[in-house]
């Protein structure tokens, strides 16, 4: 059930984003159907503290991989995800968790903390 929920939300967000912006030709999707996310992956929270994904995921979770300082498609992805979440009949934080993960080492705790209220 949680996988189906996660997949449906991501597909809807991607569809909304595709309708608004076209990606450059060198951008693609590498599908890993049936694969699982490594729950022991170590991330840093908005305060710079290390935390495993296992500690973050205690209910159905939507993971968003995004740059927090990206000027082009990243804000569109976040905006579309917010639109999708607002359409759900579920309460974020209580019935599911939304976790934004940046893979840009320049996204330091201060930048992440500033971005958090807008998500």
N, C-alpha and C. Protein backbone atom coordinates (compact mmCIF):
# COMPACT_ATOMS: atom_id res chain seq x y z
N UNK A 1 0.83 -1.20 0.00
CA UNK A 1 0.00 0.00 0.00
C UNK A 1 0.87 1.26 0.00
N UNK A 2 1.90 1.28 0.86
CA UNK A 2 2.77 2.44 0.94
C UNK A 2 3.53 2.64 -0.36
N UNK A 3 3.96 1.53 -1.01
CA UNK A 3 4.67 1.65 -2.29
C UNK A 3 3.76 2.21 -3.37
N UNK A 4 2.53 1.75 -3.40
CA UNK A 4 1.57 2.22 -4.38
C UNK A 4 1.30 3.72 -4.18
N UNK A 5 1.13 4.14 -2.94
CA UNK A 5 0.90 5.55 -2.60
C UNK A 5 2.09 6.39 -3.06
N UNK A 6 3.30 5.94 -2.74
CA UNK A 6 4.52 6.65 -3.09
C UNK A 6 4.64 6.77 -4.61
N UNK A 7 4.41 5.68 -5.33
CA UNK A 7 4.52 5.68 -6.79
C UNK A 7 3.48 6.60 -7.43
N UNK A 8 2.26 6.58 -6.93
CA UNK A 8 1.19 7.41 -7.48
C UNK A 8 1.50 8.89 -7.30
N UNK A 9 1.99 9.27 -6.15
CA UNK A 9 2.30 10.68 -5.89
C UNK A 9 3.45 11.13 -6.77
N UNK A 10 4.48 10.30 -6.91
CA UNK A 10 5.61 10.68 -7.75
C UNK A 10 5.20 10.80 -9.21
N UNK A 11 4.37 9.90 -9.69
CA UNK A 11 3.92 9.97 -11.07
C UNK A 11 3.10 11.23 -11.33
N UNK A 12 2.24 11.58 -10.40
CA UNK A 12 1.43 12.78 -10.56
C UNK A 12 2.31 14.03 -10.55
N UNK A 13 3.27 14.09 -9.64
CA UNK A 13 4.17 15.24 -9.58
C UNK A 13 5.01 15.34 -10.85
N UNK A 14 5.49 14.21 -11.34
CA UNK A 14 6.29 14.21 -12.57
C UNK A 14 5.46 14.67 -13.76
N UNK A 15 4.23 14.22 -13.83
CA UNK A 15 3.35 14.62 -14.94
C UNK A 15 3.09 16.12 -14.91
N UNK A 16 2.85 16.65 -13.74
CA UNK A 16 2.62 18.09 -13.63
C UNK A 16 3.87 18.87 -14.03
N UNK A 17 5.03 18.39 -13.61
CA UNK A 17 6.29 19.05 -13.94
C UNK A 17 6.59 18.98 -15.42
N UNK A 18 6.32 17.84 -16.04
CA UNK A 18 6.58 17.68 -17.47
C UNK A 18 5.71 18.63 -18.29
N UNK A 19 4.51 18.85 -17.85
CA UNK A 19 3.62 19.75 -18.58
C UNK A 19 4.10 21.19 -18.50
N UNK A 20 4.86 21.53 -17.46
CA UNK A 20 5.30 22.91 -17.28
C UNK A 20 6.69 23.20 -17.85
N UNK A 21 7.56 22.18 -17.94
CA UNK A 21 8.94 22.43 -18.33
C UNK A 21 9.52 21.21 -19.01
N UNK A 22 10.29 21.42 -20.07
CA UNK A 22 10.95 20.32 -20.75
C UNK A 22 12.40 20.23 -20.26
N UNK A 23 12.85 19.03 -19.99
CA UNK A 23 14.21 18.81 -19.51
C UNK A 23 15.19 18.86 -20.68
N UNK A 24 16.45 19.24 -20.40
CA UNK A 24 17.48 19.19 -21.43
C UNK A 24 17.65 17.76 -21.93
N UNK A 25 18.21 17.60 -23.12
CA UNK A 25 18.36 16.29 -23.73
C UNK A 25 19.22 15.31 -22.97
N UNK A 26 20.13 15.78 -22.12
CA UNK A 26 21.02 14.86 -21.41
C UNK A 26 20.47 14.39 -20.07
N UNK A 27 19.23 14.72 -19.75
CA UNK A 27 18.62 14.31 -18.50
C UNK A 27 17.74 13.10 -18.77
N UNK A 28 17.80 12.11 -17.88
CA UNK A 28 16.99 10.93 -18.09
C UNK A 28 16.58 10.29 -16.78
N UNK A 29 15.91 9.16 -16.90
CA UNK A 29 15.45 8.42 -15.73
C UNK A 29 16.06 7.03 -15.79
N UNK A 30 16.66 6.61 -14.71
CA UNK A 30 17.23 5.28 -14.60
C UNK A 30 16.33 4.50 -13.65
N UNK A 31 15.38 3.75 -14.21
CA UNK A 31 14.40 3.04 -13.38
C UNK A 31 15.05 1.90 -12.62
N UNK A 32 14.64 1.74 -11.41
CA UNK A 32 15.09 0.65 -10.54
C UNK A 32 13.86 -0.03 -9.97
N UNK A 33 12.99 -0.48 -10.86
CA UNK A 33 11.73 -1.08 -10.44
C UNK A 33 11.98 -2.26 -9.51
N UNK A 34 11.28 -2.27 -8.39
CA UNK A 34 11.41 -3.35 -7.42
C UNK A 34 12.57 -3.19 -6.46
N UNK A 35 13.44 -2.23 -6.71
CA UNK A 35 14.59 -2.01 -5.83
C UNK A 35 14.14 -1.28 -4.57
N UNK A 36 14.88 -1.45 -3.51
CA UNK A 36 14.57 -0.75 -2.26
C UNK A 36 15.66 0.25 -1.94
N UNK A 37 15.29 1.30 -1.26
CA UNK A 37 16.23 2.31 -0.81
C UNK A 37 17.01 1.74 0.38
N UNK A 38 18.31 2.01 0.42
CA UNK A 38 19.14 1.53 1.54
C UNK A 38 18.74 2.26 2.82
N UNK A 39 18.13 1.55 3.73
CA UNK A 39 17.62 2.17 4.96
C UNK A 39 18.74 2.61 5.91
N UNK A 40 19.95 2.09 5.73
CA UNK A 40 21.07 2.50 6.57
C UNK A 40 21.86 3.66 5.98
N UNK A 41 21.36 4.23 4.88
CA UNK A 41 22.02 5.39 4.28
C UNK A 41 22.05 6.53 5.31
N UNK A 42 23.20 7.16 5.44
CA UNK A 42 23.36 8.25 6.41
C UNK A 42 23.17 9.58 5.69
N UNK A 43 22.26 10.37 6.20
CA UNK A 43 21.96 11.70 5.67
C UNK A 43 22.25 12.72 6.76
N UNK A 44 22.16 13.99 6.41
CA UNK A 44 22.26 15.05 7.40
C UNK A 44 20.95 15.81 7.41
N UNK A 45 20.46 16.11 8.61
CA UNK A 45 19.21 16.86 8.71
C UNK A 45 19.49 18.35 8.53
N UNK A 46 18.47 19.18 8.65
CA UNK A 46 18.63 20.62 8.41
C UNK A 46 19.54 21.30 9.43
N UNK A 47 19.87 20.59 10.51
CA UNK A 47 20.80 21.13 11.51
C UNK A 47 22.21 20.60 11.34
N UNK A 48 22.42 19.75 10.31
CA UNK A 48 23.74 19.19 10.07
C UNK A 48 24.02 17.91 10.85
N UNK A 49 23.04 17.41 11.60
CA UNK A 49 23.21 16.17 12.37
C UNK A 49 23.01 14.96 11.47
N UNK A 50 23.84 13.94 11.67
CA UNK A 50 23.69 12.72 10.88
C UNK A 50 22.49 11.91 11.36
N UNK A 51 21.78 11.33 10.40
CA UNK A 51 20.61 10.52 10.71
C UNK A 51 20.46 9.47 9.60
N UNK A 52 20.05 8.28 9.97
CA UNK A 52 19.84 7.25 8.96
C UNK A 52 18.42 7.38 8.40
N UNK A 53 18.29 6.91 7.20
CA UNK A 53 16.98 6.91 6.57
C UNK A 53 15.99 6.08 7.39
N UNK A 54 16.47 5.03 7.99
CA UNK A 54 15.63 4.17 8.84
C UNK A 54 14.96 4.96 9.97
N UNK A 55 15.68 5.92 10.54
CA UNK A 55 15.11 6.73 11.62
C UNK A 55 14.07 7.72 11.11
N UNK A 56 14.18 8.11 9.85
CA UNK A 56 13.24 9.07 9.28
C UNK A 56 11.94 8.41 8.83
N UNK A 57 12.03 7.17 8.40
CA UNK A 57 10.87 6.52 7.80
C UNK A 57 10.18 5.63 8.83
N UNK A 58 9.09 6.15 9.37
CA UNK A 58 8.31 5.40 10.34
C UNK A 58 6.85 5.28 9.91
N UNK A 59 6.57 5.73 8.69
CA UNK A 59 5.22 5.67 8.09
C UNK A 59 5.42 5.81 6.59
N UNK A 60 4.36 5.66 5.79
CA UNK A 60 4.55 5.87 4.35
C UNK A 60 5.26 7.20 4.11
N UNK A 61 6.25 7.17 3.22
CA UNK A 61 7.14 8.32 3.05
C UNK A 61 7.34 8.63 1.57
N UNK A 62 7.31 9.91 1.26
CA UNK A 62 7.65 10.39 -0.08
C UNK A 62 9.04 11.00 0.03
N UNK A 63 9.99 10.45 -0.73
CA UNK A 63 11.34 11.01 -0.79
C UNK A 63 11.45 11.88 -2.03
N UNK A 64 11.94 13.09 -1.84
CA UNK A 64 12.17 14.00 -2.96
C UNK A 64 13.66 14.27 -3.01
N UNK A 65 14.30 13.89 -4.09
CA UNK A 65 15.72 14.17 -4.28
C UNK A 65 15.83 15.42 -5.12
N UNK A 66 16.45 16.45 -4.54
CA UNK A 66 16.39 17.77 -5.15
C UNK A 66 17.56 18.61 -4.66
N UNK A 67 17.97 19.58 -5.46
CA UNK A 67 18.90 20.61 -4.99
C UNK A 67 18.08 21.71 -4.35
N UNK A 68 18.56 22.26 -3.25
CA UNK A 68 17.82 23.35 -2.61
C UNK A 68 18.14 24.70 -3.22
N UNK A 69 19.21 24.78 -4.02
CA UNK A 69 19.58 26.06 -4.61
C UNK A 69 19.52 26.04 -6.13
N UNK A 70 18.91 25.05 -6.70
CA UNK A 70 18.79 24.91 -8.16
C UNK A 70 17.85 25.99 -8.72
N UNK A 71 18.29 26.71 -9.76
CA UNK A 71 17.46 27.78 -10.30
C UNK A 71 16.47 27.36 -11.38
N UNK A 72 16.52 26.11 -11.83
CA UNK A 72 15.68 25.76 -12.97
C UNK A 72 14.57 24.78 -12.60
N UNK A 73 14.73 23.51 -12.85
CA UNK A 73 13.64 22.55 -12.70
C UNK A 73 13.35 22.16 -11.24
N UNK A 74 14.32 22.32 -10.35
CA UNK A 74 14.13 21.90 -8.96
C UNK A 74 12.96 22.61 -8.27
N UNK A 75 12.86 23.94 -8.37
CA UNK A 75 11.70 24.60 -7.75
C UNK A 75 10.37 24.13 -8.35
N UNK A 76 10.38 23.79 -9.63
CA UNK A 76 9.16 23.29 -10.28
C UNK A 76 8.78 21.94 -9.67
N UNK A 77 9.77 21.07 -9.48
CA UNK A 77 9.50 19.77 -8.87
C UNK A 77 8.92 19.93 -7.47
N UNK A 78 9.54 20.78 -6.65
CA UNK A 78 9.05 21.01 -5.29
C UNK A 78 7.64 21.60 -5.32
N UNK A 79 7.43 22.58 -6.18
CA UNK A 79 6.11 23.20 -6.28
C UNK A 79 5.05 22.19 -6.68
N UNK A 80 5.37 21.33 -7.64
CA UNK A 80 4.41 20.31 -8.07
C UNK A 80 4.15 19.30 -6.96
N UNK A 81 5.19 18.95 -6.21
CA UNK A 81 5.00 18.01 -5.11
C UNK A 81 4.08 18.63 -4.05
N UNK A 82 4.26 19.90 -3.76
CA UNK A 82 3.40 20.59 -2.80
C UNK A 82 1.96 20.60 -3.31
N UNK A 83 1.76 20.85 -4.61
CA UNK A 83 0.41 20.82 -5.18
C UNK A 83 -0.23 19.44 -5.00
N UNK A 84 0.55 18.39 -5.27
CA UNK A 84 0.03 17.02 -5.13
C UNK A 84 -0.32 16.73 -3.68
N UNK A 85 0.58 17.07 -2.78
CA UNK A 85 0.34 16.81 -1.35
C UNK A 85 -0.90 17.56 -0.87
N UNK A 86 -1.09 18.78 -1.34
CA UNK A 86 -2.27 19.56 -0.95
C UNK A 86 -3.57 18.95 -1.45
N UNK A 87 -3.52 18.14 -2.50
CA UNK A 87 -4.72 17.49 -3.04
C UNK A 87 -5.06 16.19 -2.31
N UNK A 88 -4.13 15.67 -1.56
CA UNK A 88 -4.36 14.40 -0.87
C UNK A 88 -5.36 14.58 0.27
N UNK A 89 -6.05 13.53 0.56
CA UNK A 89 -6.98 13.53 1.69
C UNK A 89 -6.27 13.03 2.94
N UNK A 90 -4.97 13.19 2.99
CA UNK A 90 -4.15 12.73 4.10
C UNK A 90 -3.40 13.91 4.70
N UNK A 91 -3.06 13.79 5.96
CA UNK A 91 -2.35 14.88 6.64
C UNK A 91 -0.86 14.57 6.71
N UNK A 92 -0.02 15.42 6.04
CA UNK A 92 1.42 15.21 6.10
C UNK A 92 1.91 15.28 7.55
N UNK A 93 2.85 14.40 7.89
CA UNK A 93 3.38 14.38 9.24
C UNK A 93 2.63 13.43 10.15
N UNK A 94 1.34 13.30 9.93
CA UNK A 94 0.55 12.39 10.77
C UNK A 94 0.31 11.08 10.03
N UNK A 95 -0.10 11.16 8.77
CA UNK A 95 -0.42 9.94 8.02
C UNK A 95 0.69 9.53 7.05
N UNK A 96 1.54 10.46 6.70
CA UNK A 96 2.69 10.13 5.87
C UNK A 96 3.76 11.20 6.11
N UNK A 97 4.95 10.88 5.66
CA UNK A 97 6.08 11.78 5.84
C UNK A 97 6.59 12.21 4.47
N UNK A 98 7.02 13.45 4.36
CA UNK A 98 7.61 14.00 3.15
C UNK A 98 9.05 14.38 3.49
N UNK A 99 10.02 13.75 2.83
CA UNK A 99 11.44 13.99 3.14
C UNK A 99 12.13 14.49 1.87
N UNK A 100 12.67 15.70 1.93
CA UNK A 100 13.43 16.27 0.82
C UNK A 100 14.91 16.04 1.08
N UNK A 101 15.59 15.44 0.10
CA UNK A 101 17.01 15.12 0.23
C UNK A 101 17.77 15.82 -0.88
N UNK A 102 18.78 16.60 -0.50
CA UNK A 102 19.63 17.24 -1.49
C UNK A 102 20.88 16.39 -1.68
N UNK A 103 21.35 16.34 -2.91
CA UNK A 103 22.60 15.62 -3.18
C UNK A 103 23.69 16.61 -3.60
N UNK A 104 23.51 17.87 -3.22
CA UNK A 104 24.49 18.91 -3.49
C UNK A 104 25.25 19.21 -2.20
N UNK A 105 26.55 18.94 -2.15
CA UNK A 105 27.31 19.19 -0.92
C UNK A 105 27.35 20.66 -0.51
N UNK A 106 27.01 21.57 -1.43
CA UNK A 106 26.97 22.99 -1.08
C UNK A 106 25.70 23.36 -0.31
N UNK A 107 24.73 22.48 -0.29
CA UNK A 107 23.49 22.74 0.46
C UNK A 107 23.75 22.49 1.94
N UNK A 108 24.34 23.46 2.55
CA UNK A 108 24.72 23.37 3.97
C UNK A 108 23.48 23.54 4.85
N UNK A 109 23.60 23.25 6.15
CA UNK A 109 22.43 23.33 7.05
C UNK A 109 21.68 24.66 6.99
N UNK A 110 22.40 25.77 6.86
CA UNK A 110 21.73 27.07 6.83
C UNK A 110 20.81 27.19 5.61
N UNK A 111 21.30 26.73 4.47
CA UNK A 111 20.50 26.79 3.23
C UNK A 111 19.29 25.87 3.34
N UNK A 112 19.49 24.68 3.90
CA UNK A 112 18.38 23.74 4.05
C UNK A 112 17.34 24.30 5.02
N UNK A 113 17.79 24.90 6.10
CA UNK A 113 16.86 25.46 7.08
C UNK A 113 16.05 26.60 6.48
N UNK A 114 16.66 27.41 5.63
CA UNK A 114 15.92 28.51 4.98
C UNK A 114 14.88 27.96 4.02
N UNK A 115 15.19 26.87 3.35
CA UNK A 115 14.30 26.29 2.33
C UNK A 115 13.13 25.54 2.95
N UNK A 116 13.31 24.99 4.14
CA UNK A 116 12.32 24.12 4.76
C UNK A 116 10.92 24.74 4.89
N UNK A 117 10.77 25.99 5.33
CA UNK A 117 9.42 26.55 5.47
C UNK A 117 8.65 26.66 4.15
N UNK A 118 9.36 26.72 3.02
CA UNK A 118 8.67 26.86 1.74
C UNK A 118 8.20 25.52 1.18
N UNK A 119 8.65 24.44 1.78
CA UNK A 119 8.26 23.10 1.26
C UNK A 119 7.00 22.64 1.92
